[in-house]
Amino acid sequence: MGTALSTFLSAFLKLGFCAILFNEVRGMVLAVPVLYGIYEAGGTLMAIWIGICSLAGIALSVIVPLIAAKKLQKYAEAKLKPAEAAAAA
């Protein structure tokens, strides 16, 4: 049972890594129009403020999944180690 769970979590984390990679690319693609909009607006304070808020939202949508993936991996490792130790004994 522990081996099947380990295999499933390994495949799930690899799939998650691919999703995070695509999320990073999506974040960069979304940042370009924001920066271009600031440039087109002439760099006014309002355009810069809106740009900062937009970029912060994009950054959060990229960073939060990274943090969640790390926490999930630590949780999975903590759950699997006692099961492996019990199986070995």
PDB file of N, CA and C in Angstrom:
ATOM      1  N   MET A   1       0.821  -1.192   0.000  1.00  0.00           N
ATOM      2  CA  MET A   1       0.000   0.000   0.000  1.00  0.00           C
ATOM      3  C   MET A   1       0.865   1.257   0.000  1.00  0.00           C
ATOM      4  N   GLY A   2       1.941   1.239   0.805  1.00  0.00           N
ATOM      5  CA  GLY A   2       2.824   2.397   0.883  1.00  0.00           C
ATOM      6  C   GLY A   2       3.533   2.656  -0.429  1.00  0.00           C
ATOM      7  N   THR A   3       3.899   1.592  -1.127  1.00  0.00           N
ATOM      8  CA  THR A   3       4.581   1.740  -2.409  1.00  0.00           C
ATOM      9  C   THR A   3       3.644   2.331  -3.461  1.00  0.00           C
ATOM     10  N   ALA A   4       2.401   1.887  -3.474  1.00  0.00           N
ATOM     11  CA  ALA A   4       1.435   2.422  -4.440  1.00  0.00           C
ATOM     12  C   ALA A   4       1.177   3.889  -4.173  1.00  0.00           C
ATOM     13  N   LEU A   5       1.070   4.245  -2.883  1.00  0.00           N
ATOM     14  CA  LEU A   5       0.856   5.645  -2.523  1.00  0.00           C
ATOM     15  C   LEU A   5       2.065   6.477  -2.915  1.00  0.00           C
ATOM     16  N   SER A   6       3.250   5.938  -2.686  1.00  0.00           N
ATOM     17  CA  SER A   6       4.480   6.649  -3.044  1.00  0.00           C
ATOM     18  C   SER A   6       4.562   6.867  -4.552  1.00  0.00           C
ATOM     19  N   THR A   7       4.214   5.861  -5.323  1.00  0.00           N
ATOM     20  CA  THR A   7       4.233   5.980  -6.781  1.00  0.00           C
ATOM     21  C   THR A   7       3.220   7.008  -7.255  1.00  0.00           C
ATOM     22  N   PHE A   8       2.030   6.960  -6.662  1.00  0.00           N
ATOM     23  CA  PHE A   8       0.986   7.926  -7.031  1.00  0.00           C
ATOM     24  C   PHE A   8       1.422   9.348  -6.708  1.00  0.00           C
ATOM     25  N   LEU A   9       1.975   9.549  -5.499  1.00  0.00           N
ATOM     26  CA  LEU A   9       2.409  10.897  -5.119  1.00  0.00           C
ATOM     27  C   LEU A   9       3.563  11.372  -5.991  1.00  0.00           C
ATOM     28  N   SER A  10       4.447  10.470  -6.357  1.00  0.00           N
ATOM     29  CA  SER A  10       5.558  10.840  -7.235  1.00  0.00           C
ATOM     30  C   SER A  10       5.042  11.308  -8.595  1.00  0.00           C
ATOM     31  N   ALA A  11       4.104  10.565  -9.166  1.00  0.00           N
ATOM     32  CA  ALA A  11       3.523  10.964 -10.454  1.00  0.00           C
ATOM     33  C   ALA A  11       2.744  12.265 -10.310  1.00  0.00           C
ATOM     34  N   PHE A  12       2.020  12.408  -9.210  1.00  0.00           N
ATOM     35  CA  PHE A  12       1.244  13.624  -8.962  1.00  0.00           C
ATOM     36  C   PHE A  12       2.156  14.836  -8.842  1.00  0.00           C
ATOM     37  N   LEU A  13       3.292  14.691  -8.155  1.00  0.00           N
ATOM     38  CA  LEU A  13       4.220  15.810  -8.002  1.00  0.00           C
ATOM     39  C   LEU A  13       4.909  16.156  -9.325  1.00  0.00           C
ATOM     40  N   LYS A  14       5.184  15.144 -10.153  1.00  0.00           N
ATOM     41  CA  LYS A  14       5.761  15.426 -11.472  1.00  0.00           C
ATOM     42  C   LYS A  14       4.774  16.184 -12.347  1.00  0.00           C
ATOM     43  N   LEU A  15       3.514  15.780 -12.272  1.00  0.00           N
ATOM     44  CA  LEU A  15       2.479  16.493 -13.009  1.00  0.00           C
ATOM     45  C   LEU A  15       2.334  17.924 -12.475  1.00  0.00           C
ATOM     46  N   GLY A  16       2.435  18.062 -11.171  1.00  0.00           N
ATOM     47  CA  GLY A  16       2.368  19.391 -10.555  1.00  0.00           C
ATOM     48  C   GLY A  16       3.531  20.257 -10.980  1.00  0.00           C
ATOM     49  N   PHE A  17       4.719  19.665 -11.127  1.00  0.00           N
ATOM     50  CA  PHE A  17       5.875  20.429 -11.580  1.00  0.00           C
ATOM     51  C   PHE A  17       5.637  20.979 -12.988  1.00  0.00           C
ATOM     52  N   CYS A  18       5.068  20.151 -13.859  1.00  0.00           N
ATOM     53  CA  CYS A  18       4.749  20.615 -15.218  1.00  0.00           C
ATOM     54  C   CYS A  18       3.721  21.738 -15.176  1.00  0.00           C
ATOM     55  N   ALA A  19       2.732  21.616 -14.309  1.00  0.00           N
ATOM     56  CA  ALA A  19       1.719  22.662 -14.179  1.00  0.00           C
ATOM     57  C   ALA A  19       2.334  23.959 -13.676  1.00  0.00           C
ATOM     58  N   ILE A  20       3.271  23.852 -12.741  1.00  0.00           N
ATOM     59  CA  ILE A  20       3.938  25.046 -12.224  1.00  0.00           C
ATOM     60  C   ILE A  20       4.784  25.688 -13.321  1.00  0.00           C
ATOM     61  N   LEU A  21       5.434  24.881 -14.136  1.00  0.00           N
ATOM     62  CA  LEU A  21       6.224  25.411 -15.243  1.00  0.00           C
ATOM     63  C   LEU A  21       5.335  26.199 -16.209  1.00  0.00           C
ATOM     64  N   PHE A  22       4.181  25.619 -16.565  1.00  0.00           N
ATOM     65  CA  PHE A  22       3.249  26.339 -17.443  1.00  0.00           C
ATOM     66  C   PHE A  22       2.700  27.592 -16.758  1.00  0.00           C
ATOM     67  N   ASN A  23       2.537  27.543 -15.443  1.00  0.00           N
ATOM     68  CA  ASN A  23       2.061  28.706 -14.703  1.00  0.00           C
ATOM     69  C   ASN A  23       3.092  29.835 -14.747  1.00  0.00           C
ATOM     70  N   GLU A  24       4.365  29.494 -14.675  1.00  0.00           N
ATOM     71  CA  GLU A  24       5.430  30.497 -14.773  1.00  0.00           C
ATOM     72  C   GLU A  24       5.403  31.178 -16.143  1.00  0.00           C
ATOM     73  N   VAL A  25       5.255  30.389 -17.184  1.00  0.00           N
ATOM     74  CA  VAL A  25       5.198  30.940 -18.542  1.00  0.00           C
ATOM     75  C   VAL A  25       3.972  31.849 -18.681  1.00  0.00           C
ATOM     76  N   ARG A  26       2.841  31.398 -18.119  1.00  0.00           N
ATOM     77  CA  ARG A  26       1.618  32.204 -18.159  1.00  0.00           C
ATOM     78  C   ARG A  26       1.830  33.535 -17.439  1.00  0.00           C
ATOM     79  N   GLY A  27       2.534  33.511 -16.321  1.00  0.00           N
ATOM     80  CA  GLY A  27       2.815  34.743 -15.585  1.00  0.00           C
ATOM     81  C   GLY A  27       3.635  35.730 -16.398  1.00  0.00           C
ATOM     82  N   MET A  28       4.636  35.215 -17.115  1.00  0.00           N
ATOM     83  CA  MET A  28       5.448  36.103 -17.950  1.00  0.00           C
ATOM     84  C   MET A  28       4.641  36.667 -19.109  1.00  0.00           C
ATOM     85  N   VAL A  29       3.789  35.839 -19.693  1.00  0.00           N
ATOM     86  CA  VAL A  29       2.956  36.300 -20.809  1.00  0.00           C
ATOM     87  C   VAL A  29       1.976  37.369 -20.336  1.00  0.00           C
ATOM     88  N   LEU A  30       1.430  37.213 -19.137  1.00  0.00           N
ATOM     89  CA  LEU A  30       0.485  38.199 -18.621  1.00  0.00           C
ATOM     90  C   LEU A  30       1.159  39.503 -18.209  1.00  0.00           C
ATOM     91  N   ALA A  31       2.444  39.455 -17.874  1.00  0.00           N
ATOM     92  CA  ALA A  31       3.151  40.663 -17.439  1.00  0.00           C
ATOM     93  C   ALA A  31       3.457  41.603 -18.603  1.00  0.00           C
ATOM     94  N   VAL A  32       3.648  41.073 -19.784  1.00  0.00           N
ATOM     95  CA  VAL A  32       4.033  41.907 -20.934  1.00  0.00           C
ATOM     96  C   VAL A  32       2.984  42.977 -21.251  1.00  0.00           C
ATOM     97  N   PRO A  33       1.686  42.664 -21.335  1.00  0.00           N
ATOM     98  CA  PRO A  33       0.712  43.721 -21.620  1.00  0.00           C
ATOM     99  C   PRO A  33       0.635  44.785 -20.524  1.00  0.00           C
ATOM    100  N   VAL A  34       0.874  44.386 -19.284  1.00  0.00           N
ATOM    101  CA  VAL A  34       0.854  45.358 -18.193  1.00  0.00           C
ATOM    102  C   VAL A  34       1.987  46.364 -18.366  1.00  0.00           C
ATOM    103  N   LEU A  35       3.172  45.863 -18.634  1.00  0.00           N
ATOM    104  CA  LEU A  35       4.318  46.750 -18.828  1.00  0.00           C
ATOM    105  C   LEU A  35       4.140  47.627 -20.063  1.00  0.00           C
ATOM    106  N   TYR A  36       3.576  47.071 -21.114  1.00  0.00           N
ATOM    107  CA  TYR A  36       3.315  47.862 -22.318  1.00  0.00           C
ATOM    108  C   TYR A  36       2.269  48.946 -22.040  1.00  0.00           C
ATOM    109  N   GLY A  37       1.269  48.629 -21.240  1.00  0.00           N
ATOM    110  CA  GLY A  37       0.252  49.616 -20.873  1.00  0.00           C
ATOM    111  C   GLY A  37       0.840  50.769 -20.085  1.00  0.00           C
ATOM    112  N   ILE A  38       1.768  50.469 -19.187  1.00  0.00           N
ATOM    113  CA  ILE A  38       2.445  51.537 -18.438  1.00  0.00           C
ATOM    114  C   ILE A  38       3.238  52.417 -19.405  1.00  0.00           C
ATOM    115  N   TYR A  39       3.908  51.793 -20.346  1.00  0.00           N
ATOM    116  CA  TYR A  39       4.689  52.546 -21.336  1.00  0.00           C
ATOM    117  C   TYR A  39       3.781  53.440 -22.178  1.00  0.00           C
ATOM    118  N   GLU A  40       2.664  52.893 -22.644  1.00  0.00           N
ATOM    119  CA  GLU A  40       1.731  53.655 -23.492  1.00  0.00           C
ATOM    120  C   GLU A  40       1.079  54.804 -22.729  1.00  0.00           C
ATOM    121  N   ALA A  41       0.880  54.634 -21.418  1.00  0.00           N
ATOM    122  CA  ALA A  41       0.257  55.687 -20.617  1.00  0.00           C
ATOM    123  C   ALA A  41       1.247  56.784 -20.265  1.00  0.00           C
ATOM    124  N   GLY A  42       2.471  56.634 -20.655  1.00  0.00           N
ATOM    125  CA  GLY A  42       3.474  57.667 -20.404  1.00  0.00           C
ATOM    126  C   GLY A  42       4.076  57.589 -19.014  1.00  0.00           C
ATOM    127  N   GLY A  43       3.837  56.507 -18.309  1.00  0.00           N
ATOM    128  CA  GLY A  43       4.440  56.335 -16.985  1.00  0.00           C
ATOM    129  C   GLY A  43       3.804  57.215 -15.923  1.00  0.00           C
ATOM    130  N   THR A  44       2.515  57.548 -16.055  1.00  0.00           N
ATOM    131  CA  THR A  44       1.852  58.358 -15.033  1.00  0.00           C
ATOM    132  C   THR A  44       1.767  57.561 -13.737  1.00  0.00           C
ATOM    133  N   LEU A  45       1.578  58.266 -12.638  1.00  0.00           N
ATOM    134  CA  LEU A  45       1.510  57.585 -11.342  1.00  0.00           C
ATOM    135  C   LEU A  45       0.356  56.594 -11.286  1.00  0.00           C
ATOM    136  N   MET A  46      -0.790  56.951 -11.864  1.00  0.00           N
ATOM    137  CA  MET A  46      -1.927  56.039 -11.843  1.00  0.00           C
ATOM    138  C   MET A  46      -1.621  54.785 -12.646  1.00  0.00           C
ATOM    139  N   ALA A  47      -0.992  54.930 -13.806  1.00  0.00           N
ATOM    140  CA  ALA A  47      -0.646  53.766 -14.628  1.00  0.00           C
ATOM    141  C   ALA A  47       0.365  52.883 -13.906  1.00  0.00           C
ATOM    142  N   ILE A  48       1.315  53.506 -13.244  1.00  0.00           N
ATOM    143  CA  ILE A  48       2.313  52.732 -12.506  1.00  0.00           C
ATOM    144  C   ILE A  48       1.653  51.988 -11.347  1.00  0.00           C
ATOM    145  N   TRP A  49       0.738  52.657 -10.616  1.00  0.00           N
ATOM    146  CA  TRP A  49       0.047  52.004  -9.504  1.00  0.00           C
ATOM    147  C   TRP A  49      -0.793  50.817  -9.986  1.00  0.00           C
ATOM    148  N   ILE A  50      -1.551  51.015 -11.042  1.00  0.00           N
ATOM    149  CA  ILE A  50      -2.366  49.924 -11.589  1.00  0.00           C
ATOM    150  C   ILE A  50      -1.461  48.791 -12.083  1.00  0.00           C
ATOM    151  N   GLY A  51      -0.350  49.146 -12.689  1.00  0.00           N
ATOM    152  CA  GLY A  51       0.601  48.136 -13.155  1.00  0.00           C
ATOM    153  C   GLY A  51       1.194  47.334 -12.007  1.00  0.00           C
ATOM    154  N   ILE A  52       1.539  48.019 -10.921  1.00  0.00           N
ATOM    155  CA  ILE A  52       2.097  47.328  -9.752  1.00  0.00           C
ATOM    156  C   ILE A  52       1.060  46.377  -9.170  1.00  0.00           C
ATOM    157  N   CYS A  53      -0.183  46.842  -9.056  1.00  0.00           N
ATOM    158  CA  CYS A  53      -1.243  45.978  -8.524  1.00  0.00           C
ATOM    159  C   CYS A  53      -1.471  44.766  -9.433  1.00  0.00           C
ATOM    160  N   SER A  54      -1.468  44.981 -10.740  1.00  0.00           N
ATOM    161  CA  SER A  54      -1.660  43.873 -11.675  1.00  0.00           C
ATOM    162  C   SER A  54      -0.505  42.880 -11.600  1.00  0.00           C
ATOM    163  N   LEU A  55       0.702  43.391 -11.551  1.00  0.00           N
ATOM    164  CA  LEU A  55       1.865  42.511 -11.476  1.00  0.00           C
ATOM    165  C   LEU A  55       1.912  41.759 -10.147  1.00  0.00           C
ATOM    166  N   ALA A  56       1.462  42.404  -9.065  1.00  0.00           N
ATOM    167  CA  ALA A  56       1.415  41.717  -7.772  1.00  0.00           C
ATOM    168  C   ALA A  56       0.405  40.570  -7.813  1.00  0.00           C
ATOM    169  N   GLY A  57      -0.721  40.787  -8.464  1.00  0.00           N
ATOM    170  CA  GLY A  57      -1.709  39.725  -8.604  1.00  0.00           C
ATOM    171  C   GLY A  57      -1.179  38.569  -9.434  1.00  0.00           C
ATOM    172  N   ILE A  58      -0.476  38.890 -10.504  1.00  0.00           N
ATOM    173  CA  ILE A  58       0.126  37.849 -11.342  1.00  0.00           C
ATOM    174  C   ILE A  58       1.184  37.086 -10.540  1.00  0.00           C
ATOM    175  N   ALA A  59       2.002  37.815  -9.782  1.00  0.00           N
ATOM    176  CA  ALA A  59       3.048  37.170  -8.975  1.00  0.00           C
ATOM    177  C   ALA A  59       2.435  36.237  -7.938  1.00  0.00           C
ATOM    178  N   LEU A  60       1.350  36.669  -7.308  1.00  0.00           N
ATOM    179  CA  LEU A  60       0.697  35.802  -6.324  1.00  0.00           C
ATOM    180  C   LEU A  60       0.148  34.539  -6.974  1.00  0.00           C
ATOM    181  N   SER A  61      -0.375  34.675  -8.179  1.00  0.00           N
ATOM    182  CA  SER A  61      -0.934  33.494  -8.842  1.00  0.00           C
ATOM    183  C   SER A  61       0.160  32.525  -9.273  1.00  0.00           C
ATOM    184  N   VAL A  62       1.393  32.986  -9.312  1.00  0.00           N
ATOM    185  CA  VAL A  62       2.517  32.115  -9.658  1.00  0.00           C
ATOM    186  C   VAL A  62       3.191  31.578  -8.394  1.00  0.00           C
ATOM    187  N   ILE A  63       3.321  32.408  -7.361  1.00  0.00           N
ATOM    188  CA  ILE A  63       4.066  32.030  -6.158  1.00  0.00           C
ATOM    189  C   ILE A  63       3.252  31.116  -5.237  1.00  0.00           C
ATOM    190  N   VAL A  64       1.972  31.392  -5.085  1.00  0.00           N
ATOM    191  CA  VAL A  64       1.149  30.596  -4.172  1.00  0.00           C
ATOM    192  C   VAL A  64       1.143  29.107  -4.549  1.00  0.00           C
ATOM    193  N   PRO A  65       1.001  28.733  -5.832  1.00  0.00           N
ATOM    194  CA  PRO A  65       1.082  27.297  -6.157  1.00  0.00           C
ATOM    195  C   PRO A  65       2.447  26.676  -5.834  1.00  0.00           C
ATOM    196  N   LEU A  66       3.524  27.450  -5.956  1.00  0.00           N
ATOM    197  CA  LEU A  66       4.843  26.927  -5.597  1.00  0.00           C
ATOM    198  C   LEU A  66       4.908  26.604  -4.111  1.00  0.00           C
ATOM    199  N   ILE A  67       4.407  27.501  -3.286  1.00  0.00           N
ATOM    200  CA  ILE A  67       4.414  27.287  -1.842  1.00  0.00           C
ATOM    201  C   ILE A  67       3.518  26.101  -1.488  1.00  0.00           C
ATOM    202  N   ALA A  68       2.368  26.017  -2.108  1.00  0.00           N
ATOM    203  CA  ALA A  68       1.451  24.910  -1.838  1.00  0.00           C
ATOM    204  C   ALA A  68       2.074  23.572  -2.235  1.00  0.00           C
ATOM    205  N   ALA A  69       2.780  23.527  -3.342  1.00  0.00           N
ATOM    206  CA  ALA A  69       3.416  22.284  -3.782  1.00  0.00           C
ATOM    207  C   ALA A  69       4.502  21.844  -2.795  1.00  0.00           C
ATOM    208  N   LYS A  70       5.273  22.790  -2.285  1.00  0.00           N
ATOM    209  CA  LYS A  70       6.309  22.449  -1.314  1.00  0.00           C
ATOM    210  C   LYS A  70       5.698  21.915  -0.026  1.00  0.00           C
ATOM    211  N   LYS A  71       4.619  22.550   0.435  1.00  0.00           N
ATOM    212  CA  LYS A  71       3.965  22.086   1.660  1.00  0.00           C
ATOM    213  C   LYS A  71       3.368  20.696   1.468  1.00  0.00           C
ATOM    214  N   LEU A  72       2.777  20.453   0.291  1.00  0.00           N
ATOM    215  CA  LEU A  72       2.210  19.131   0.004  1.00  0.00           C
ATOM    216  C   LEU A  72       3.301  18.070  -0.029  1.00  0.00           C
ATOM    217  N   GLN A  73       4.439  18.401  -0.592  1.00  0.00           N
ATOM    218  CA  GLN A  73       5.540  17.442  -0.655  1.00  0.00           C
ATOM    219  C   GLN A  73       6.055  17.118   0.746  1.00  0.00           C
ATOM    220  N   LYS A  74       6.206  18.134   1.600  1.00  0.00           N
ATOM    221  CA  LYS A  74       6.659  17.887   2.970  1.00  0.00           C
ATOM    222  C   LYS A  74       5.646  17.031   3.735  1.00  0.00           C
ATOM    223  N   TYR A  75       4.363  17.311   3.533  1.00  0.00           N
ATOM    224  CA  TYR A  75       3.310  16.541   4.201  1.00  0.00           C
ATOM    225  C   TYR A  75       3.347  15.078   3.738  1.00  0.00           C
ATOM    226  N   ALA A  76       3.515  14.876   2.437  1.00  0.00           N
ATOM    227  CA  ALA A  76       3.553  13.515   1.893  1.00  0.00           C
ATOM    228  C   ALA A  76       4.764  12.759   2.417  1.00  0.00           C
ATOM    229  N   GLU A  77       5.903  13.422   2.477  1.00  0.00           N
ATOM    230  CA  GLU A  77       7.107  12.764   2.991  1.00  0.00           C
ATOM    231  C   GLU A  77       6.947  12.409   4.464  1.00  0.00           C
ATOM    232  N   ALA A  78       6.323  13.301   5.234  1.00  0.00           N
ATOM    233  CA  ALA A  78       6.124  13.038   6.659  1.00  0.00           C
ATOM    234  C   ALA A  78       5.175  11.860   6.869  1.00  0.00           C
ATOM    235  N   LYS A  79       4.175  11.708   6.000  1.00  0.00           N
ATOM    236  CA  LYS A  79       3.228  10.595   6.121  1.00  0.00           C
ATOM    237  C   LYS A  79       3.842   9.278   5.657  1.00  0.00           C
ATOM    238  N   LEU A  80       4.729   9.313   4.665  1.00  0.00           N
ATOM    239  CA  LEU A  80       5.285   8.082   4.116  1.00  0.00           C
ATOM    240  C   LEU A  80       6.414   7.514   4.980  1.00  0.00           C
ATOM    241  N   LYS A  81       7.199   8.352   5.634  1.00  0.00           N
ATOM    242  CA  LYS A  81       8.328   7.854   6.418  1.00  0.00           C
ATOM    243  C   LYS A  81       7.897   6.929   7.559  1.00  0.00           C
ATOM    244  N   PRO A  82       6.877   7.280   8.362  1.00  0.00           N
ATOM    245  CA  PRO A  82       6.445   6.323   9.400  1.00  0.00           C
ATOM    246  C   PRO A  82       5.913   5.021   8.812  1.00  0.00           C
ATOM    247  N   ALA A  83       5.234   5.096   7.683  1.00  0.00           N
ATOM    248  CA  ALA A  83       4.695   3.879   7.055  1.00  0.00           C
ATOM    249  C   ALA A  83       5.827   2.987   6.556  1.00  0.00           C
ATOM    250  N   GLU A  84       6.871   3.589   6.010  1.00  0.00           N
ATOM    251  CA  GLU A  84       8.017   2.817   5.538  1.00  0.00           C
ATOM    252  C   GLU A  84       8.782   2.198   6.705  1.00  0.00           C
ATOM    253  N   ALA A  85       8.916   2.944   7.812  1.00  0.00           N
ATOM    254  CA  ALA A  85       9.614   2.427   8.975  1.00  0.00           C
ATOM    255  C   ALA A  85       8.850   1.263   9.592  1.00  0.00           C
ATOM    256  N   ALA A  86       7.522   1.366   9.616  1.00  0.00           N
ATOM    257  CA  ALA A  86       6.707   0.279  10.170  1.00  0.00           C
ATOM    258  C   ALA A  86       6.773  -0.952   9.275  1.00  0.00           C
ATOM    259  N   ALA A  87       6.820  -0.749   7.965  1.00  0.00           N
ATOM    260  CA  ALA A  87       6.885  -1.878   7.036  1.00  0.00           C
ATOM    261  C   ALA A  87       8.240  -2.577   7.100  1.00  0.00           C
ATOM    262  N   ALA A  88       9.292  -1.807   7.360  1.00  0.00           N
ATOM    263  CA  ALA A  88      10.643  -2.382   7.423  1.00  0.00           C
ATOM    264  C   ALA A  88      10.847  -3.184   8.714  1.00  0.00           C
ATOM    265  N   ALA A  89      10.121  -2.816   9.746  1.00  0.00           N
ATOM    266  CA  ALA A  89      10.308  -3.492  11.052  1.00  0.00           C
ATOM    267  C   ALA A  89       9.612  -4.810  11.140  1.00  0.00           C
TER     268      ALA A  89
END
